[in-house]
Every structure is written in C-alpha cells, then in structure tokens.
Amino acid sequence: MEIVLSIAGSDPSAGAGIQQDLKTVTALGCYGATVITAITVQNTLGVTQVMEVPPDIVEAQLRAVLDDFDVRAIKMGMIPNRQVAEAIVRMLQPFVAQKASLAVGQWPLPVVYDPVMVSTSGHRLMSADSIDYICRHLFPLCTLITPNLPETEVLAGQRLSSPDDIGLAGRSLVERYGCAFLLKGGHNSADRLKAVDHLFCADGTVHTFSAPRIASRNLHGTGCTLSSAIAARMAQGDSLPQAVAQAKACLTSAIERSTNHDIGHGNGPLILG
C-alpha cells in the first residue's frame, strides 16, 4: 500500500486539513501519515483560533515519518509561518534529492502543495516575508502547486480578469519556479455554469479540466480533497494530468454526494465514497 504524507494543519471539525487529507487518501486506497503544522479551532462556521506548532516539533515529526516509512507522495497544506517553512525545507531538501537520485520513473517523489495563503475574500493569511521564502525555497521542491484564484493573483502580482490573464500567469509561474501549477477556477464567478481548472506543466503543456458547478453549501475542504487526491493518484503511478483528472472527478462526486447532508450549521464538509 502506497504511503502519502500530509503536512498540514488540524481541523477539529474534520472537514479540512489533516483530517480531510487522511479521509481522502484512505478512500483512494493509500495509507496516510501526518505532520501537524498548526492546531486550529474551527467548525463549519469558521476559524476562531490558531496555535502554531513550534518548528522543532514539526521537524521532529517529519524525521519520525521519513526515517521509518517509504513515503511515495507528499501533500502540503497550511504552513503558518516562515520558521515552520524553514523546518520543512531543511527536512525535504535532502529527502527529495535522495528520492530523485534513486528514481527510475518520471516522478521520483510527487510533492503537491495547496498553498493556504489567501482567504476567499482576498485577505492574506501569511506575511509577505513568509510567502517570499516559500516561493523561493519550497516551490522548487514541489511537483505541483494548486492555488485558488486569489492566491494566484498574489503569486502573479496582478489581477486576473480574463482567460488570457490566467494563461499568461500560469506560464509565467511555471517558468519562474520550475514546477507545475494547477490554477483552480472555483473562485471565478464569471462562469456560473462550470468550474474550469488549468494545469500548466513544467514541460510547457497545458491541460484544461472542467466540471459543472453544483449548488451546495457543503464545500468545506474542497482544496484539501483535491490536492490530497492528486497526491494519492500520483503515489499509485498516475501521470500528473491523469492524477488531476481523476482527482477532479473524485471531488465532483464528493460535492454531489454531500449536497443534501446536514453536518454543522455552516459550510459543511465533503462526504467521500
């Protein structure tokens, strides 16, 4: 059984973060290991408190997992500050390099990062210094970055108001950081009928994935579900485009399945098959 490591924050309502990552990789037939970067106080109504895990504890968790398990893919989510980012980079740099030296296939170690940088309203959740460090030192270790529209605008340094803008931003980010970018279209209110994601690969190819928009109040943890599913599928041997396509289908099914569930009083969680 392939092992997928999630490096992310904890959500006690289990709709996002570590808990949703574990549910997703388990549903797809993988074994999930975890490194917790922050303990959040949240439910379907929102986040009220965050306790950042000290960087030495994050580093120790990483060492414990990587020394013992044959990790086949890594998914990263919430990185609360620069110090934690530095601890992750210290541990992953030699590990990724070692995997690359032993690799025979195309992807020596898939690393998927869902950057929790900006809220849906556009409010920055990380300092500019932390974002700059992550872009310069963590992005180059990644196979795929999966920003939503507000996060893409921060990374690109501009508003994205048209398909041409998205195309230019995607190609520019790939060239700048040397990894693939999946620019998610869920926050794009211009298209009310479908959500379109654009995958810009490091080899210059571009793939488009479209799914119908589903009216639902239960959308908590969609980004975690998608990125974890991509990591799990790549751990099982899918190419990046194949993994994104399968993960997108998994997410759409979960949204459809969750529409009529009544868990919590706010933005409810996704139910996986």
Protein backbone atom coordinates (compact mmCIF):
# COMPACT_ATOMS: atom_id res chain seq x y z
CA MET A 1 0.00 0.00 0.00
CA GLU A 2 1.37 3.39 -1.02
CA ILE A 3 2.07 5.88 1.77
CA VAL A 4 1.06 9.53 1.36
CA LEU A 5 2.34 12.07 3.87
CA SER A 6 0.22 15.12 4.67
CA ILE A 7 1.94 18.18 6.14
CA ALA A 8 -0.88 20.50 7.21
CA GLY A 9 -2.98 22.00 9.98
CA SER A 10 -5.52 20.16 12.11
CA ASP A 11 -9.26 20.84 11.80
CA PRO A 12 -11.33 19.53 14.75
CA SER A 13 -14.49 19.56 12.61
CA ALA A 14 -12.64 17.15 10.27
CA GLY A 15 -13.83 18.91 7.13
CA ALA A 16 -10.42 20.18 6.04
CA GLY A 17 -6.72 19.94 6.86
CA ILE A 18 -5.10 16.79 8.17
CA GLN A 19 -8.39 15.06 8.86
CA GLN A 20 -9.77 15.54 5.36
CA ASP A 21 -6.43 14.58 3.85
CA LEU A 22 -6.50 11.30 5.74
CA LYS A 23 -10.05 10.55 4.67
CA THR A 24 -9.22 11.30 1.04
CA VAL A 25 -6.07 9.21 0.71
CA THR A 26 -7.74 6.33 2.58
CA ALA A 27 -10.76 6.44 0.24
CA LEU A 28 -8.37 6.20 -2.70
CA GLY A 29 -6.59 3.16 -1.31
CA CYS A 30 -3.45 4.70 0.19
CA TYR A 31 -2.10 4.86 3.75
CA GLY A 32 -1.96 8.35 5.24
CA ALA A 33 0.77 9.64 7.54
CA THR A 34 0.67 13.14 9.04
CA VAL A 35 2.79 16.04 10.25
CA ILE A 36 0.74 18.72 12.01
CA THR A 37 1.88 22.31 11.48
CA ALA A 38 -0.89 24.10 13.37
CA ILE A 39 -3.85 23.34 15.62
CA THR A 40 -6.89 25.31 14.55
CA VAL A 41 -10.10 25.98 16.43
CA GLN A 42 -12.77 25.83 13.75
CA ASN A 43 -16.05 24.33 12.67
CA THR A 44 -18.39 24.75 9.72
CA LEU A 45 -18.99 28.36 10.81
CA GLY A 46 -15.35 29.46 10.60
CA VAL A 47 -11.96 29.63 12.27
CA THR A 48 -11.68 31.32 15.69
CA GLN A 49 -8.15 30.45 16.88
CA VAL A 50 -4.86 29.03 15.60
CA MET A 51 -1.95 27.65 17.62
CA GLU A 52 1.19 27.30 15.54
CA VAL A 53 3.25 24.17 16.19
CA PRO A 54 6.87 25.02 17.09
CA PRO A 55 9.24 24.44 14.16
CA ASP A 56 11.41 21.96 16.08
CA ILE A 57 8.34 19.79 16.71
CA VAL A 58 7.38 19.99 13.03
CA GLU A 59 10.92 18.94 12.12
CA ALA A 60 10.84 16.07 14.63
CA GLN A 61 7.52 14.82 13.25
CA LEU A 62 8.95 14.87 9.74
CA ARG A 63 12.05 12.98 10.83
CA ALA A 64 9.95 10.35 12.59
CA VAL A 65 7.88 9.65 9.47
CA LEU A 66 10.59 9.92 6.82
CA ASP A 67 13.06 7.74 8.77
CA ASP A 68 10.53 4.94 9.12
CA PHE A 69 8.13 4.98 6.17
CA ASP A 70 8.63 4.57 2.43
CA VAL A 71 6.71 7.73 1.56
CA ARG A 72 5.51 7.70 -2.07
CA ALA A 73 3.95 11.18 -2.21
CA ILE A 74 3.69 14.30 -0.06
CA LYS A 75 0.81 16.73 0.19
CA MET A 76 1.32 20.07 1.95
CA GLY A 77 -1.31 22.48 3.16
CA MET A 78 -1.23 25.08 5.91
CA ILE A 79 2.27 26.41 6.69
CA PRO A 80 1.64 29.03 9.39
CA ASN A 81 4.91 30.98 9.35
CA ARG A 82 8.40 31.25 7.91
CA GLN A 83 10.02 29.29 10.76
CA VAL A 84 7.85 26.25 10.07
CA ALA A 85 8.53 26.64 6.34
CA GLU A 86 12.27 26.64 7.04
CA ALA A 87 11.95 23.44 9.09
CA ILE A 88 10.05 21.75 6.25
CA VAL A 89 12.63 22.83 3.68
CA ARG A 90 15.50 21.57 5.87
CA MET A 91 13.92 18.13 6.03
CA LEU A 92 12.55 17.85 2.50
CA GLN A 93 15.57 19.11 0.53
CA PRO A 94 17.80 16.07 1.23
CA PHE A 95 14.85 13.67 1.16
CA VAL A 96 13.63 14.84 -2.25
CA ALA A 97 17.19 14.83 -3.59
CA GLN A 98 17.72 11.27 -2.35
CA LYS A 99 14.48 10.09 -3.95
CA ALA A 100 15.47 11.79 -7.20
CA SER A 101 18.82 10.00 -7.26
CA LEU A 102 17.09 6.62 -6.85
CA ALA A 103 14.18 7.27 -9.22
CA VAL A 104 13.61 5.35 -12.39
CA GLY A 105 10.22 6.80 -13.39
CA GLN A 106 9.16 10.31 -14.31
CA TRP A 107 8.16 11.40 -10.80
CA PRO A 108 10.77 10.44 -8.18
CA LEU A 109 8.63 11.85 -5.35
CA PRO A 110 5.42 13.73 -6.10
CA VAL A 111 5.09 16.78 -3.82
CA VAL A 112 1.77 18.61 -4.06
CA TYR A 113 1.36 21.93 -2.27
CA ASP A 114 -2.04 23.53 -1.72
CA PRO A 115 -0.94 27.00 -0.57
CA VAL A 116 -3.15 28.34 2.22
CA MET A 117 -2.01 31.92 1.64
CA VAL A 118 -5.12 33.96 0.97
CA SER A 119 -8.72 33.73 2.17
CA THR A 120 -11.66 33.58 -0.21
CA SER A 121 -12.23 37.31 0.36
CA GLY A 122 -8.63 38.05 -0.66
CA HIS A 123 -7.23 38.58 2.86
CA ARG A 124 -3.61 37.42 3.23
CA LEU A 125 -3.22 34.68 5.82
CA MET A 126 0.60 34.71 5.69
CA SER A 127 3.10 37.53 5.92
CA ALA A 128 4.79 38.75 2.74
CA ASP A 129 8.12 37.53 4.14
CA SER A 130 6.75 34.01 4.64
CA ILE A 131 5.25 33.90 1.15
CA ASP A 132 8.52 35.09 -0.37
CA TYR A 133 10.53 32.41 1.45
CA ILE A 134 8.10 29.67 0.45
CA CYS A 135 8.15 30.75 -3.19
CA ARG A 136 11.96 30.85 -3.34
CA HIS A 137 12.78 27.74 -1.32
CA LEU A 138 9.75 25.44 -1.10
CA PHE A 139 8.22 25.78 -4.57
CA PRO A 140 11.35 24.37 -6.29
CA LEU A 141 10.94 21.17 -4.24
CA CYS A 142 7.37 20.70 -5.45
CA THR A 143 5.89 18.82 -8.36
CA LEU A 144 2.65 20.79 -8.33
CA ILE A 145 1.25 23.95 -6.72
CA THR A 146 -2.57 24.27 -6.57
CA PRO A 147 -3.52 27.92 -5.86
CA ASN A 148 -7.06 29.26 -6.00
CA LEU A 149 -7.77 32.49 -7.87
CA PRO A 150 -6.96 34.93 -5.00
CA GLU A 151 -3.71 33.05 -4.30
CA THR A 152 -2.78 33.03 -7.97
CA GLU A 153 -3.25 36.80 -8.09
CA VAL A 154 -0.88 37.23 -5.14
CA LEU A 155 1.72 34.94 -6.72
CA ALA A 156 1.39 36.58 -10.14
CA GLY A 157 1.28 40.10 -8.69
CA GLN A 158 -1.74 41.12 -10.76
CA ARG A 159 -5.50 40.85 -11.09
CA LEU A 160 -6.68 38.03 -13.34
CA SER A 161 -9.85 39.09 -15.11
CA SER A 162 -9.79 37.06 -18.34
CA PRO A 163 -8.73 33.65 -19.70
CA ASP A 164 -5.76 35.35 -21.36
CA ASP A 165 -4.64 36.70 -17.97
CA ILE A 166 -4.83 33.21 -16.48
CA GLY A 167 -2.83 31.76 -19.37
CA LEU A 168 -0.08 34.35 -19.04
CA ALA A 169 0.04 33.94 -15.26
CA GLY A 170 0.26 30.15 -15.46
CA ARG A 171 3.08 30.12 -17.97
CA SER A 172 4.95 32.82 -16.06
CA LEU A 173 4.72 30.93 -12.74
CA VAL A 174 5.96 27.69 -14.32
CA GLU A 175 8.91 29.49 -15.87
CA ARG A 176 9.71 31.28 -12.62
CA TYR A 177 9.62 28.29 -10.28
CA GLY A 178 10.19 25.24 -12.48
CA CYS A 179 7.22 23.24 -11.24
CA ALA A 180 3.67 22.68 -12.47
CA PHE A 181 0.74 24.88 -11.44
CA LEU A 182 -2.92 23.94 -11.29
CA LEU A 183 -4.83 27.23 -11.33
CA LYS A 184 -8.20 26.40 -9.82
CA GLY A 185 -11.30 28.10 -11.16
CA GLY A 186 -13.72 27.55 -8.31
CA HIS A 187 -13.50 31.19 -7.20
CA ASN A 188 -14.05 32.54 -10.71
CA SER A 189 -17.57 33.97 -10.51
CA ALA A 190 -17.53 34.94 -14.20
CA ASP A 191 -18.55 31.40 -15.18
CA ARG A 192 -21.66 30.37 -13.27
CA LEU A 193 -22.19 27.06 -15.05
CA LYS A 194 -18.86 25.31 -14.66
CA ALA A 195 -15.59 25.37 -12.74
CA VAL A 196 -12.56 25.23 -15.01
CA ASP A 197 -9.07 24.39 -13.77
CA HIS A 198 -5.95 24.94 -15.88
CA LEU A 199 -2.89 22.71 -15.43
CA PHE A 200 0.36 24.30 -16.62
CA CYS A 201 3.06 21.61 -16.71
CA ALA A 202 6.80 22.09 -16.42
CA ASP A 203 7.25 20.69 -19.94
CA GLY A 204 5.18 23.54 -21.39
CA THR A 205 1.96 21.61 -21.98
CA VAL A 206 -1.37 22.95 -20.75
CA HIS A 207 -4.40 20.85 -19.79
CA THR A 208 -7.92 22.07 -19.04
CA PHE A 209 -10.34 20.34 -16.68
CA SER A 210 -13.97 21.36 -16.50
CA ALA A 211 -16.80 20.27 -14.20
CA PRO A 212 -20.33 21.60 -13.74
CA ARG A 213 -20.90 23.91 -10.80
CA ILE A 214 -23.06 22.22 -8.18
CA ALA A 215 -25.23 24.36 -5.92
CA SER A 216 -24.28 23.31 -2.40
CA ARG A 217 -23.49 24.89 0.95
CA ASN A 218 -21.28 21.93 1.83
CA LEU A 219 -17.95 22.86 0.27
CA HIS A 220 -15.63 22.87 3.29
CA GLY A 221 -12.28 21.27 2.43
CA THR A 222 -12.52 21.19 -1.37
CA GLY A 223 -8.91 22.33 -1.81
CA CYS A 224 -7.62 19.75 0.67
CA THR A 225 -9.62 17.00 -1.00
CA LEU A 226 -8.39 17.85 -4.49
CA SER A 227 -4.70 18.17 -3.61
CA SER A 228 -4.71 15.02 -1.45
CA ALA A 229 -6.42 13.06 -4.20
CA ILE A 230 -3.81 14.23 -6.73
CA ALA A 231 -1.00 13.13 -4.40
CA ALA A 232 -2.64 9.74 -3.81
CA ARG A 233 -3.16 9.08 -7.51
CA MET A 234 0.45 10.05 -8.31
CA ALA A 235 1.66 7.78 -5.50
CA GLN A 236 -0.18 4.99 -7.29
CA GLY A 237 1.60 5.74 -10.57
CA ASP A 238 -0.63 8.16 -12.47
CA SER A 239 0.98 10.87 -14.56
CA LEU A 240 0.28 14.40 -13.40
CA PRO A 241 -2.52 15.09 -15.94
CA GLN A 242 -4.09 11.70 -15.20
CA ALA A 243 -3.92 12.33 -11.46
CA VAL A 244 -5.55 15.75 -11.79
CA ALA A 245 -8.34 14.34 -13.97
CA GLN A 246 -9.06 11.53 -11.50
CA ALA A 247 -8.86 13.87 -8.51
CA LYS A 248 -11.23 16.34 -10.17
CA ALA A 249 -13.73 13.51 -10.75
CA CYS A 250 -13.37 12.42 -7.12
CA LEU A 251 -14.01 15.98 -5.92
CA THR A 252 -17.07 16.43 -8.15
CA SER A 253 -18.55 13.16 -6.88
CA ALA A 254 -17.91 14.21 -3.28
CA ILE A 255 -19.64 17.56 -3.81
CA GLU A 256 -22.64 15.83 -5.41
CA ARG A 257 -22.79 13.27 -2.58
CA SER A 258 -22.61 15.97 0.11
CA THR A 259 -25.23 18.37 -1.22
CA ASN A 260 -28.13 17.12 0.92
CA HIS A 261 -26.17 16.25 4.08
CA ASP A 262 -26.75 18.32 7.19
CA ILE A 263 -23.49 18.31 9.19
CA GLY A 264 -22.97 21.50 11.17
CA HIS A 265 -24.72 24.83 10.80
CA GLY A 266 -22.47 26.44 8.18
CA ASN A 267 -20.25 25.40 5.28
CA GLY A 268 -20.49 21.64 5.71
CA PRO A 269 -17.84 19.03 4.91
CA LEU A 270 -17.49 16.81 1.85
CA ILE A 271 -18.54 13.18 2.15
CA LEU A 272 -16.23 10.78 0.35
CA GLY A 273 -17.37 7.45 -1.05
